């Protein structure tokens, strides 16, 4: 846990020390999440904080999806919030105002609500229900929850604290317009905002507008951690109404930091000790993928992973992410050469394993391949895919035998075009780079090597894995470019077609030639059935396969 104490200026009468508790929760684990809340509340009190703020639905975990419809779960969550308030009081923390997210019930309709509660003096002192329920992108809250209809202003030692939950600040109208007329000193918004590359500045600009609208600083407290295919990056902050950044928490880690809200009429000052640095794009994407994998393992009770090591760039980057997530000693790398595997690829796989310190084994697939061919006599694509499926069986065998999470190593370009083998290289429980285009895979590999160099460490990824032409090596002399446009061109078309929803006419206006456009559109549309069967992986772009992109399996529309 990160913990940073504000030391740069003495506390004065009328000041309110606010603790930003940016925590990683697990959906459905009421007791585990309550224990984290207790721990952070205790540490906040030790620093002298009075107000402690936790993320959206921090007691239940987020997103709880259809678990919210289970009345027994809602009753258990309410009982746990009540017991948490009593525990705080019993442990001498009752003086704290602890803002926690949970699930409530609309008693009129017997439907769930996304709720914020304030724990103080051994009881649930106040509650607030989320007004705006997002129903776009990864969100499905309009179907699940009923909206709140009232605003809440909390009085904490003479300070007027307005409350909001996530989407409430993204939409115009109440509660923000109501709070603008209620003379508040601070607007606190608790959030479960998933990571998306480049999203940080959007949050900051929005928060600045809302702070100006209500005439007070805005505290944006965000969840951190991975939950299934979502990654929450934290990055909580406080911004003044003139856009001055007053506090910024680090990203992708749990953190407890403090910031002082001064007495009424006094100007709030930026924190000097609680101001995390900005993060470059490659680093934030890489760390999102690593955190997504790390938490997926932890929350599904895996202590190690296994994957095939081909010597290529995709498996090299996935293995490096896995080693960063759980340590190389917990990674099982399996080289599965065939008659078509080059000596260079075998050497690159062994070199990678040695650099990362993974548990490495070679399982040549020749005998199994010959046994199948002796009966099936396959040719062409069927023969090529047989090799991939034999490898899939071996990976899953190690996963079962050693209790490991099998990792799929496909990237977004391959998924888009169907350049993968169902029940072959597509097997696994998690796919760390499924939302990264191939060109971004190379880019992140170079970034990770450069990071190691800057720290005086050995580069984890062999240079040859980065620079050699990509190939599945399922037939003699095979190259990816035999079946696909060059990745530098392909990824540009894919980005326009998938993430920007450009149709054929739009792509031609973008300057792409008709043959390339028709080829890419045909490949992408025909591969939807494969993507529906691919493992989960961390969402890092604005439009990821799975939650974001919902097209029919049969899509004949080409315009």
Protein backbone atom coordinates (compact mmCIF):
# COMPACT_ATOMS: atom_id res chain seq x y z
CA UNK A 1 0.00 0.00 0.00
CA UNK A 2 1.26 3.47 -0.85
CA UNK A 3 0.88 5.98 1.95
CA UNK A 4 1.94 9.61 1.64
CA UNK A 5 1.60 12.13 4.43
CA UNK A 6 1.07 15.82 3.85
CA UNK A 7 3.84 17.54 5.84
CA UNK A 8 4.50 20.78 4.05
CA UNK A 9 2.25 23.07 6.06
CA UNK A 10 1.03 23.07 9.67
CA UNK A 11 -2.59 22.34 10.48
CA UNK A 12 -4.67 25.34 11.53
CA UNK A 13 -7.93 25.68 13.38
CA UNK A 14 -10.75 25.11 10.94
CA UNK A 15 -8.68 22.93 8.59
CA UNK A 16 -10.12 19.55 7.63
CA UNK A 17 -7.69 16.77 6.73
CA UNK A 18 -9.22 14.57 4.06
CA UNK A 19 -7.87 11.09 3.27
CA UNK A 20 -8.13 9.69 -0.25
CA UNK A 21 -8.32 5.90 0.12
CA UNK A 22 -7.77 4.51 -3.38
CA UNK A 23 -8.28 0.78 -2.87
CA UNK A 24 -8.53 -2.46 -4.85
CA UNK A 25 -11.70 -4.42 -4.06
CA UNK A 26 -13.14 -7.76 -5.13
CA UNK A 27 -16.71 -8.16 -6.36
CA UNK A 28 -18.88 -9.99 -3.83
CA UNK A 29 -16.25 -10.18 -1.08
CA UNK A 30 -18.07 -8.14 1.55
CA UNK A 31 -15.86 -9.20 4.45
CA UNK A 32 -12.60 -8.84 2.54
CA UNK A 33 -13.53 -5.40 1.25
CA UNK A 34 -14.70 -4.31 4.73
CA UNK A 35 -11.35 -5.41 6.16
CA UNK A 36 -9.52 -3.20 3.63
CA UNK A 37 -11.80 -0.27 4.50
CA UNK A 38 -11.09 -0.79 8.20
CA UNK A 39 -7.34 -0.95 7.60
CA UNK A 40 -7.24 2.21 5.52
CA UNK A 41 -9.55 4.06 7.91
CA UNK A 42 -7.24 3.20 10.78
CA UNK A 43 -4.20 4.46 8.89
CA UNK A 44 -6.07 7.63 7.88
CA UNK A 45 -6.91 8.30 11.52
CA UNK A 46 -3.26 7.83 12.47
CA UNK A 47 -2.42 10.62 10.03
CA UNK A 48 -5.01 12.89 11.64
CA UNK A 49 -7.70 12.69 8.97
CA UNK A 50 -11.34 13.29 9.83
CA UNK A 51 -12.96 12.56 6.44
CA UNK A 52 -11.98 9.32 4.65
CA UNK A 53 -13.23 8.72 1.09
CA UNK A 54 -13.41 5.29 -0.60
CA UNK A 55 -14.39 4.39 -4.21
CA UNK A 56 -17.76 3.68 -5.76
CA UNK A 57 -19.30 0.42 -4.48
CA UNK A 58 -16.15 -0.22 -2.46
CA UNK A 59 -17.91 -2.49 0.03
CA UNK A 60 -19.45 -4.75 -2.64
CA UNK A 61 -16.80 -4.43 -5.32
CA UNK A 62 -17.56 -2.95 -8.73
CA UNK A 63 -19.14 -3.69 -11.14
CA UNK A 64 -21.46 -6.17 -9.42
CA UNK A 65 -23.65 -6.58 -12.53
CA UNK A 66 -26.59 -8.96 -11.98
CA UNK A 67 -25.44 -9.85 -8.48
CA UNK A 68 -27.30 -6.65 -7.57
CA UNK A 69 -30.63 -8.35 -8.32
CA UNK A 70 -30.07 -10.93 -5.60
CA UNK A 71 -32.03 -9.62 -2.63
CA UNK A 72 -30.05 -11.77 -0.21
CA UNK A 73 -26.84 -10.08 -1.38
CA UNK A 74 -28.32 -6.62 -0.93
CA UNK A 75 -29.42 -7.52 2.59
CA UNK A 76 -25.97 -8.89 3.37
CA UNK A 77 -24.32 -5.73 2.01
CA UNK A 78 -26.55 -3.50 4.13
CA UNK A 79 -25.89 -5.62 7.22
CA UNK A 80 -22.14 -5.48 6.54
CA UNK A 81 -22.20 -1.68 6.21
CA UNK A 82 -24.02 -1.43 9.53
CA UNK A 83 -21.54 -3.79 11.19
CA UNK A 84 -18.62 -1.87 9.67
CA UNK A 85 -19.92 1.33 11.25
CA UNK A 86 -20.05 -0.40 14.64
CA UNK A 87 -16.55 -1.85 14.17
CA UNK A 88 -15.19 1.63 13.47
CA UNK A 89 -16.77 2.87 16.68
CA UNK A 90 -15.54 -0.10 18.72
CA UNK A 91 -11.96 0.44 17.53
CA UNK A 92 -11.95 4.11 18.46
CA UNK A 93 -12.57 5.36 14.93
CA UNK A 94 -16.15 6.50 15.37
CA UNK A 95 -15.12 10.15 15.06
CA UNK A 96 -14.24 9.58 11.41
CA UNK A 97 -16.63 10.36 8.59
CA UNK A 98 -16.08 7.36 6.31
CA UNK A 99 -17.62 7.58 2.83
CA UNK A 100 -18.16 4.13 1.35
CA UNK A 101 -19.89 2.86 -1.80
CA UNK A 102 -22.29 -0.08 -1.64
CA UNK A 103 -25.56 -1.42 -3.05
CA UNK A 104 -28.89 -0.28 -1.62
CA UNK A 105 -32.53 -1.05 -2.31
CA UNK A 106 -35.30 1.09 -3.72
CA UNK A 107 -38.00 -0.11 -1.33
CA UNK A 108 -40.84 1.18 -3.51
CA UNK A 109 -39.79 -0.99 -6.45
CA UNK A 110 -37.66 -3.60 -4.65
CA UNK A 111 -34.85 -2.81 -7.07
CA UNK A 112 -31.13 -2.19 -6.42
CA UNK A 113 -29.55 1.23 -6.17
CA UNK A 114 -25.95 2.38 -6.50
CA UNK A 115 -25.50 3.92 -3.08
CA UNK A 116 -23.04 6.00 -1.08
CA UNK A 117 -23.18 5.80 2.71
CA UNK A 118 -21.48 7.87 5.41
CA UNK A 119 -20.35 5.92 8.48
CA UNK A 120 -19.99 7.98 11.66
CA UNK A 121 -20.28 7.40 15.41
CA UNK A 122 -21.17 3.73 15.01
CA UNK A 123 -23.98 4.09 12.50
CA UNK A 124 -24.87 4.83 8.90
CA UNK A 125 -25.40 8.55 9.26
CA UNK A 126 -26.32 9.47 5.70
CA UNK A 127 -26.95 7.93 2.30
CA UNK A 128 -27.00 9.12 -1.29
CA UNK A 129 -28.13 7.25 -4.42
CA UNK A 130 -26.56 7.72 -7.83
CA UNK A 131 -28.77 9.81 -10.13
CA UNK A 132 -27.41 9.11 -13.61
CA UNK A 133 -27.03 5.46 -14.60
CA UNK A 134 -24.74 5.00 -17.62
CA UNK A 135 -25.85 2.68 -20.38
CA UNK A 136 -23.01 2.95 -22.89
CA UNK A 137 -19.66 1.30 -23.50
CA UNK A 138 -18.88 -1.11 -20.68
CA UNK A 139 -21.73 0.16 -18.48
CA UNK A 140 -25.13 -1.47 -18.05
CA UNK A 141 -26.36 0.38 -14.96
CA UNK A 142 -29.65 1.65 -16.36
CA UNK A 143 -30.84 -1.95 -16.63
CA UNK A 144 -29.64 -2.84 -13.13
CA UNK A 145 -30.28 0.12 -10.81
CA UNK A 146 -33.02 2.63 -10.21
CA UNK A 147 -31.90 6.28 -9.99
CA UNK A 148 -31.73 8.46 -6.91
CA UNK A 149 -33.59 11.75 -6.82
CA UNK A 150 -32.15 13.88 -4.02
CA UNK A 151 -28.92 15.67 -3.26
CA UNK A 152 -27.00 15.41 -0.02
CA UNK A 153 -24.75 17.94 1.73
CA UNK A 154 -22.75 16.58 4.66
CA UNK A 155 -21.63 18.83 7.52
CA UNK A 156 -18.16 17.85 8.75
CA UNK A 157 -16.78 20.12 11.45
CA UNK A 158 -18.38 23.18 9.89
CA UNK A 159 -17.43 22.25 6.32
CA UNK A 160 -20.24 21.67 3.83
CA UNK A 161 -19.42 18.60 1.71
CA UNK A 162 -21.50 17.87 -1.41
CA UNK A 163 -21.73 14.24 -2.53
CA UNK A 164 -21.93 12.62 -5.97
CA UNK A 165 -21.21 9.27 -7.61
CA UNK A 166 -19.25 8.98 -10.86
CA UNK A 167 -21.71 9.56 -13.74
CA UNK A 168 -23.47 12.28 -11.74
CA UNK A 169 -20.69 14.71 -12.66
CA UNK A 170 -20.63 13.63 -16.32
CA UNK A 171 -24.21 14.74 -16.97
CA UNK A 172 -25.85 18.15 -16.81
CA UNK A 173 -28.58 18.84 -14.27
CA UNK A 174 -29.08 17.62 -10.74
CA UNK A 175 -27.32 16.84 -8.50
CA UNK A 176 -24.60 19.24 -9.70
CA UNK A 177 -26.94 22.10 -10.57
CA UNK A 178 -28.60 21.80 -7.17
CA UNK A 179 -25.28 21.66 -5.31
CA UNK A 180 -24.17 24.80 -7.17
CA UNK A 181 -26.71 26.75 -5.15
CA UNK A 182 -26.01 25.22 -1.75
CA UNK A 183 -22.78 26.99 -0.75
CA UNK A 184 -20.63 23.87 -0.47
CA UNK A 185 -16.94 23.89 0.45
CA UNK A 186 -15.99 20.67 -1.32
CA UNK A 187 -17.61 18.33 -3.82
CA UNK A 188 -16.69 14.67 -3.23
CA UNK A 189 -17.35 12.24 -6.04
CA UNK A 190 -16.62 8.52 -5.67
CA UNK A 191 -15.88 6.64 -8.87
CA UNK A 192 -15.42 3.29 -10.53
CA UNK A 193 -13.97 4.66 -13.76
CA UNK A 194 -12.25 2.00 -15.90
CA UNK A 195 -8.92 2.68 -17.56
CA UNK A 196 -8.81 3.77 -21.16
CA UNK A 197 -5.71 5.21 -22.76
CA UNK A 198 -5.83 9.00 -22.77
CA UNK A 199 -8.82 9.21 -20.44
CA UNK A 200 -6.99 10.96 -17.60
CA UNK A 201 -7.08 14.44 -19.09
CA UNK A 202 -10.79 14.03 -19.90
CA UNK A 203 -11.53 13.37 -16.22
CA UNK A 204 -9.46 16.36 -15.16
CA UNK A 205 -11.12 18.76 -17.61
CA UNK A 206 -14.59 17.59 -16.59
CA UNK A 207 -13.77 17.87 -12.88
CA UNK A 208 -12.49 21.41 -13.41
CA UNK A 209 -15.77 22.43 -15.08
CA UNK A 210 -17.80 20.95 -12.27
CA UNK A 211 -15.62 22.54 -9.59
CA UNK A 212 -16.16 25.91 -11.22
CA UNK A 213 -19.89 25.22 -11.48
CA UNK A 214 -20.30 24.49 -7.76
CA UNK A 215 -17.76 27.11 -6.69
CA UNK A 216 -15.62 24.71 -4.67
CA UNK A 217 -12.77 22.20 -5.06
CA UNK A 218 -13.71 18.77 -6.38
CA UNK A 219 -12.29 15.54 -4.98
CA UNK A 220 -12.30 12.72 -7.53
CA UNK A 221 -11.70 9.37 -5.80
CA UNK A 222 -11.28 6.45 -8.19
CA UNK A 223 -11.08 2.71 -7.76
CA UNK A 224 -7.89 0.82 -8.61
CA UNK A 225 -7.37 -2.79 -9.70
CA UNK A 226 -8.53 -5.35 -12.24
CA UNK A 227 -11.96 -6.95 -12.29
CA UNK A 228 -12.45 -9.46 -15.11
CA UNK A 229 -11.75 -7.53 -18.33
CA UNK A 230 -11.87 -4.08 -16.73
CA UNK A 231 -8.88 -2.32 -15.20
CA UNK A 232 -9.34 0.64 -12.85
CA UNK A 233 -6.32 2.90 -12.79
CA UNK A 234 -6.89 4.98 -9.67
CA UNK A 235 -5.28 8.33 -10.34
CA UNK A 236 -7.52 10.08 -7.80
CA UNK A 237 -7.11 13.85 -7.54
CA UNK A 238 -8.38 17.12 -6.10
CA UNK A 239 -8.83 20.12 -8.39
CA UNK A 240 -9.77 23.68 -7.56
CA UNK A 241 -12.42 25.65 -9.42
CA UNK A 242 -9.76 27.56 -11.36
CA UNK A 243 -8.17 24.33 -12.60
CA UNK A 244 -5.33 24.23 -10.08
CA UNK A 245 -4.37 20.65 -9.31
CA UNK A 246 -4.33 20.32 -5.52
CA UNK A 247 -3.57 16.60 -5.13
CA UNK A 248 -2.90 13.67 -7.45
CA UNK A 249 -2.65 10.04 -6.35
CA UNK A 250 -0.50 7.51 -8.23
CA UNK A 251 -1.99 5.19 -10.80
CA UNK A 252 -2.36 1.40 -10.84
CA UNK A 253 -1.56 0.99 -7.13
CA UNK A 254 -3.52 1.13 -3.90
CA UNK A 255 -2.77 4.39 -2.15
CA UNK A 256 -3.66 6.45 0.88
CA UNK A 257 -2.90 10.14 0.66
CA UNK A 258 -4.15 13.24 2.44
CA UNK A 259 -5.10 16.78 1.48
CA UNK A 260 -6.15 19.71 3.63
CA UNK A 261 -9.43 21.52 3.05
CA UNK A 262 -8.87 24.90 4.72
CA UNK A 263 -11.32 26.84 6.86
CA UNK A 264 -14.17 28.51 5.04
CA UNK A 265 -13.00 31.56 3.16
CA UNK A 266 -9.40 30.37 2.99
CA UNK A 267 -7.75 29.48 -0.30
CA UNK A 268 -6.96 25.74 -0.75
CA UNK A 269 -3.29 25.02 -1.44
CA UNK A 270 -1.72 22.28 -3.57
CA UNK A 271 -0.12 19.38 -1.78
CA UNK A 272 3.63 19.13 -2.21
CA UNK A 273 4.09 15.57 -0.93
CA UNK A 274 0.95 14.06 -2.50
CA UNK A 275 1.41 14.90 -6.17
CA UNK A 276 2.13 11.84 -8.31
CA UNK A 277 3.87 12.35 -11.64
CA UNK A 278 2.18 12.07 -15.01
CA UNK A 279 2.59 8.73 -16.79
CA UNK A 280 3.55 8.29 -20.48
CA UNK A 281 1.11 6.45 -22.73
CA UNK A 282 3.19 3.31 -23.24
CA UNK A 283 3.78 2.95 -19.52
CA UNK A 284 0.11 3.36 -18.59
CA UNK A 285 -1.01 0.78 -21.15
CA UNK A 286 1.68 -1.69 -20.10
CA UNK A 287 0.88 -1.28 -16.42
CA UNK A 288 -2.84 -1.65 -17.11
CA UNK A 289 -2.21 -5.01 -18.80
CA UNK A 290 0.02 -6.20 -15.97
CA UNK A 291 -2.43 -5.11 -13.25
CA UNK A 292 -5.35 -6.71 -15.11
CA UNK A 293 -3.49 -10.03 -15.23
CA UNK A 294 -2.25 -9.80 -11.65
CA UNK A 295 -5.71 -9.16 -10.22
CA UNK A 296 -7.40 -11.71 -12.47
CA UNK A 297 -5.02 -14.30 -11.03
CA UNK A 298 -5.53 -13.16 -7.44
CA UNK A 299 -9.31 -12.92 -7.61
CA UNK A 300 -9.58 -16.34 -9.24
CA UNK A 301 -7.05 -17.88 -6.84
CA UNK A 302 -4.25 -18.64 -9.29
CA UNK A 303 -0.66 -18.38 -8.10
CA UNK A 304 1.00 -19.03 -11.46
CA UNK A 305 0.50 -19.04 -15.22
CA UNK A 306 1.59 -21.06 -18.23
CA UNK A 307 1.88 -20.18 -21.89
CA UNK A 308 3.48 -21.31 -25.10
CA UNK A 309 6.78 -19.62 -25.97
CA UNK A 310 7.28 -19.54 -29.72
CA UNK A 311 10.17 -17.11 -29.86
CA UNK A 312 7.87 -14.51 -31.40
CA UNK A 313 7.01 -11.05 -30.12
CA UNK A 314 3.50 -11.78 -28.83
CA UNK A 315 4.44 -14.62 -26.49
CA UNK A 316 7.57 -12.69 -25.48
CA UNK A 317 5.57 -9.65 -24.38
CA UNK A 318 2.91 -11.76 -22.62
CA UNK A 319 5.60 -13.72 -20.76
CA UNK A 320 7.27 -10.48 -19.69
CA UNK A 321 3.96 -9.08 -18.45
CA UNK A 322 3.34 -12.31 -16.57
CA UNK A 323 6.77 -12.18 -14.94
CA UNK A 324 6.09 -8.59 -13.89
CA UNK A 325 2.68 -9.60 -12.55
CA UNK A 326 3.63 -12.63 -10.48
CA UNK A 327 7.38 -13.20 -10.73
CA UNK A 328 9.25 -15.30 -13.29
CA UNK A 329 9.38 -18.29 -10.94
CA UNK A 330 5.58 -18.51 -11.15
CA UNK A 331 5.55 -18.59 -14.97
CA UNK A 332 5.70 -21.88 -16.87
CA UNK A 333 7.00 -21.32 -20.40
CA UNK A 334 6.50 -24.15 -22.87
CA UNK A 335 8.38 -24.35 -26.15
CA UNK A 336 6.54 -26.63 -28.58
CA UNK A 337 8.60 -26.77 -31.77
CA UNK A 338 7.47 -28.56 -34.91
CA UNK A 339 9.34 -29.46 -38.08
CA UNK A 340 8.58 -25.91 -39.29
CA UNK A 341 10.00 -24.12 -36.25
CA UNK A 342 13.24 -22.36 -37.08
CA UNK A 343 16.31 -22.81 -34.96
CA UNK A 344 16.30 -19.07 -34.36
CA UNK A 345 12.80 -19.18 -32.90
CA UNK A 346 13.77 -22.00 -30.55
CA UNK A 347 16.84 -20.08 -29.43
CA UNK A 348 14.80 -16.90 -28.91
CA UNK A 349 12.28 -18.75 -26.73
CA UNK A 350 15.05 -20.23 -24.58
CA UNK A 351 16.79 -16.87 -24.34
CA UNK A 352 13.57 -15.17 -23.20
CA UNK A 353 12.95 -17.82 -20.56
CA UNK A 354 16.47 -17.39 -19.20
CA UNK A 355 16.17 -13.60 -19.07
CA UNK A 356 12.85 -13.76 -17.23
CA UNK A 357 13.75 -16.63 -14.94
CA UNK A 358 10.68 -18.62 -15.93
CA UNK A 359 10.30 -22.36 -15.50
CA UNK A 360 11.03 -23.52 -19.04
CA UNK A 361 10.31 -26.82 -20.74
CA UNK A 362 10.56 -28.06 -24.34
CA UNK A 363 7.80 -30.33 -25.64
CA UNK A 364 8.35 -31.06 -29.33
CA UNK A 365 5.03 -31.83 -31.04
CA UNK A 366 6.42 -34.06 -33.83
CA UNK A 367 5.25 -37.43 -32.40
CA UNK A 368 1.73 -36.19 -31.68
CA UNK A 369 1.49 -34.55 -35.10
CA UNK A 370 2.63 -37.72 -36.85
CA UNK A 371 0.13 -39.82 -34.89
CA UNK A 372 -2.77 -37.60 -35.94
CA UNK A 373 -1.61 -37.41 -39.54
CA UNK A 374 -1.27 -41.18 -39.67
CA UNK A 375 -5.02 -41.38 -39.31
CA UNK A 376 -6.34 -38.08 -40.66
CA UNK A 377 -4.00 -37.29 -43.60
CA UNK A 378 -4.77 -33.57 -43.40
CA UNK A 379 -3.60 -30.93 -45.87
CA UNK A 380 -3.53 -27.15 -46.14
CA UNK A 381 -5.11 -25.10 -43.37
CA UNK A 382 -6.36 -28.24 -41.59
CA UNK A 383 -2.79 -29.52 -41.32
CA UNK A 384 -1.54 -26.13 -40.10
CA UNK A 385 -4.26 -25.80 -37.47
CA UNK A 386 -3.64 -29.34 -36.21
CA UNK A 387 -0.26 -28.14 -34.99
CA UNK A 388 -1.84 -25.20 -33.13
CA UNK A 389 -4.43 -27.48 -31.53
CA UNK A 390 -1.81 -29.95 -30.34
CA UNK A 391 -0.02 -27.03 -28.71
CA UNK A 392 -3.29 -25.94 -27.12
CA UNK A 393 -3.75 -29.39 -25.60
CA UNK A 394 -0.22 -29.32 -24.15
CA UNK A 395 -0.67 -25.86 -22.64
CA UNK A 396 -3.94 -26.89 -21.03
CA UNK A 397 -2.37 -30.12 -19.78
CA UNK A 398 0.27 -28.14 -17.90
CA UNK A 399 -2.40 -25.75 -16.65
CA UNK A 400 -4.43 -28.64 -15.22
CA UNK A 401 -1.47 -30.60 -13.87
CA UNK A 402 0.11 -27.64 -12.06
CA UNK A 403 -2.98 -25.57 -11.23
CA UNK A 404 -1.94 -22.70 -13.50
CA UNK A 405 -3.85 -20.07 -15.44
CA UNK A 406 -3.26 -20.64 -19.15
CA UNK A 407 -2.58 -17.45 -21.08
CA UNK A 408 -3.58 -16.84 -24.70
CA UNK A 409 -1.08 -14.69 -26.56
CA UNK A 410 -3.12 -13.29 -29.45
CA UNK A 411 -3.15 -9.56 -30.18
CA UNK A 412 -5.97 -7.32 -31.38
CA UNK A 413 -4.87 -7.36 -35.03
CA UNK A 414 -5.03 -11.15 -35.09
CA UNK A 415 -8.37 -11.24 -33.30
CA UNK A 416 -9.76 -8.66 -35.68
CA UNK A 417 -8.82 -10.66 -38.75
CA UNK A 418 -9.44 -14.14 -37.35
CA UNK A 419 -5.73 -14.95 -37.58
CA UNK A 420 -5.89 -17.48 -34.77
CA UNK A 421 -6.91 -21.10 -34.31
CA UNK A 422 -9.98 -21.92 -32.23
CA UNK A 423 -9.01 -24.55 -29.63
CA UNK A 424 -5.39 -23.95 -30.61
CA UNK A 425 -3.47 -20.75 -29.87
CA UNK A 426 -6.80 -19.25 -28.75
CA UNK A 427 -7.07 -21.52 -25.69
CA UNK A 428 -6.57 -20.09 -22.24
CA UNK A 429 -8.26 -18.37 -19.36
CA UNK A 430 -6.93 -14.86 -19.93
CA UNK A 431 -5.46 -12.91 -22.85
CA UNK A 432 -3.25 -10.03 -21.66
CA UNK A 433 -2.67 -8.37 -25.05
CA UNK A 434 -6.00 -8.98 -26.79
CA UNK A 435 -6.70 -5.22 -26.93
CA UNK A 436 -3.28 -4.29 -28.35
CA UNK A 437 -2.76 -3.96 -32.09
CA UNK A 438 0.36 -5.70 -33.39
CA UNK A 439 2.24 -2.46 -33.94
CA UNK A 440 1.51 -1.52 -30.31
CA UNK A 441 2.87 -4.88 -29.17
CA UNK A 442 6.20 -4.04 -30.77
CA UNK A 443 6.05 -0.55 -29.31
CA UNK A 444 5.44 -1.80 -25.77
CA UNK A 445 8.18 -4.42 -26.10
CA UNK A 446 10.67 -1.69 -26.99
CA UNK A 447 9.38 0.46 -24.12
CA UNK A 448 9.78 -2.39 -21.62
CA UNK A 449 13.33 -3.05 -22.79
CA UNK A 450 14.16 0.66 -22.59
CA UNK A 451 12.78 0.77 -19.05
CA UNK A 452 15.06 -2.10 -18.06
CA UNK A 453 18.03 -0.37 -19.64
CA UNK A 454 17.28 2.85 -17.74
CA UNK A 455 17.34 0.88 -14.48
CA UNK A 456 20.63 -0.79 -15.36
CA UNK A 457 18.94 -4.17 -15.86
CA UNK A 458 19.15 -6.67 -18.65
CA UNK A 459 16.54 -6.27 -21.36
CA UNK A 460 13.83 -8.91 -20.80
CA UNK A 461 12.86 -9.39 -24.46
CA UNK A 462 15.44 -10.63 -26.99
CA UNK A 463 15.96 -8.06 -29.71
CA UNK A 464 15.58 -10.73 -32.36
CA UNK A 465 12.01 -11.40 -31.21
CA UNK A 466 11.25 -7.74 -31.90
CA UNK A 467 12.95 -7.27 -35.24
CA UNK A 468 12.32 -10.52 -37.10
CA UNK A 469 9.35 -10.81 -39.51
CA UNK A 470 6.33 -12.28 -37.68
CA UNK A 471 5.33 -15.83 -38.58
CA UNK A 472 3.09 -18.56 -37.18
CA UNK A 473 5.60 -21.11 -38.56
CA UNK A 474 2.91 -23.62 -39.46
CA UNK A 475 4.35 -24.30 -42.92
CA UNK A 476 7.68 -23.90 -44.66
CA UNK A 477 8.73 -20.24 -45.03
CA UNK A 478 5.40 -18.92 -43.76
CA UNK A 479 5.10 -15.21 -42.94
CA UNK A 480 2.10 -13.28 -41.58
CA UNK A 481 2.34 -11.03 -44.63
CA UNK A 482 1.35 -14.02 -46.80
CA UNK A 483 -2.21 -13.76 -45.46
CA UNK A 484 -2.48 -10.23 -44.11
CA UNK A 485 -1.54 -6.73 -45.25
CA UNK A 486 1.61 -5.37 -43.68
CA UNK A 487 0.85 -4.58 -40.04
CA UNK A 488 1.84 -0.94 -40.41
CA UNK A 489 -1.01 -0.59 -42.92
CA UNK A 490 -3.38 -3.17 -41.45
CA UNK A 491 -3.45 -1.57 -38.01
CA UNK A 492 -4.32 1.83 -39.43
CA UNK A 493 -7.28 0.35 -41.29
CA UNK A 494 -8.34 -1.65 -38.23
CA UNK A 495 -8.18 1.38 -35.99
CA UNK A 496 -10.37 3.37 -38.36
CA UNK A 497 -12.83 0.52 -39.00
CA UNK A 498 -13.14 -0.74 -35.42
CA UNK A 499 -12.43 2.11 -33.04
CA UNK A 500 -13.76 4.95 -35.19
CA UNK A 501 -16.58 2.91 -36.81
CA UNK A 502 -15.63 4.02 -40.33
CA UNK A 503 -17.56 2.18 -43.05
CA UNK A 504 -16.25 1.37 -46.51
CA UNK A 505 -16.92 4.82 -47.95
CA UNK A 506 -15.26 6.44 -44.93
CA UNK A 507 -12.20 4.21 -45.28
CA UNK A 508 -11.84 5.11 -48.93
CA UNK A 509 -12.13 8.79 -48.00
CA UNK A 510 -9.38 8.13 -45.44
CA UNK A 511 -7.12 7.30 -48.36
CA UNK A 512 -6.97 3.50 -48.12
CA UNK A 513 -7.08 1.59 -51.42
CA UNK A 514 -10.23 -0.41 -52.24
CA UNK A 515 -8.54 -3.84 -52.30
CA UNK A 516 -7.09 -3.37 -48.82
CA UNK A 517 -10.37 -2.02 -47.47
CA UNK A 518 -12.41 -4.90 -48.89
CA UNK A 519 -9.91 -7.48 -47.63
CA UNK A 520 -9.80 -6.10 -44.11
CA UNK A 521 -13.57 -5.61 -43.81
CA UNK A 522 -14.19 -9.15 -45.04
CA UNK A 523 -11.68 -10.64 -42.59
CA UNK A 524 -13.00 -8.68 -39.62
CA UNK A 525 -16.67 -9.40 -40.28
CA UNK A 526 -16.14 -13.10 -40.87
CA UNK A 527 -14.10 -13.54 -37.68
CA UNK A 528 -16.78 -12.42 -35.21
CA UNK A 529 -17.67 -16.02 -34.34
CA UNK A 530 -14.07 -16.64 -33.29
CA UNK A 531 -13.88 -13.51 -31.16
CA UNK A 532 -17.00 -14.58 -29.25
CA UNK A 533 -15.04 -17.62 -28.04
CA UNK A 534 -11.79 -15.86 -27.14
CA UNK A 535 -10.74 -15.48 -23.48
CA UNK A 536 -11.15 -12.29 -21.49
CA UNK A 537 -8.38 -9.73 -21.57
CA UNK A 538 -7.83 -6.22 -20.21
CA UNK A 539 -9.62 -3.38 -21.95
CA UNK A 540 -7.15 -0.58 -22.65
CA UNK A 541 -8.60 1.19 -25.71
CA UNK A 542 -11.82 3.08 -26.26
CA UNK A 543 -13.32 0.14 -28.12
CA UNK A 544 -12.28 -3.35 -27.10
CA UNK A 545 -13.62 -6.63 -28.44
CA UNK A 546 -16.12 -8.04 -25.97
CA UNK A 547 -17.90 -5.49 -23.82
CA UNK A 548 -17.62 -2.58 -26.26
CA UNK A 549 -18.12 -4.01 -29.74
CA UNK A 550 -21.42 -5.83 -30.21
CA UNK A 551 -21.88 -6.85 -33.83
CA UNK A 552 -23.88 -9.83 -35.10
CA UNK A 553 -21.93 -12.99 -35.84
CA UNK A 554 -23.24 -12.87 -39.41
CA UNK A 555 -22.70 -9.40 -40.82
CA UNK A 556 -23.35 -8.91 -44.51
CA UNK A 557 -23.27 -5.11 -44.41
CA UNK A 558 -20.23 -3.80 -46.30
CA UNK A 559 -20.91 -0.11 -46.89
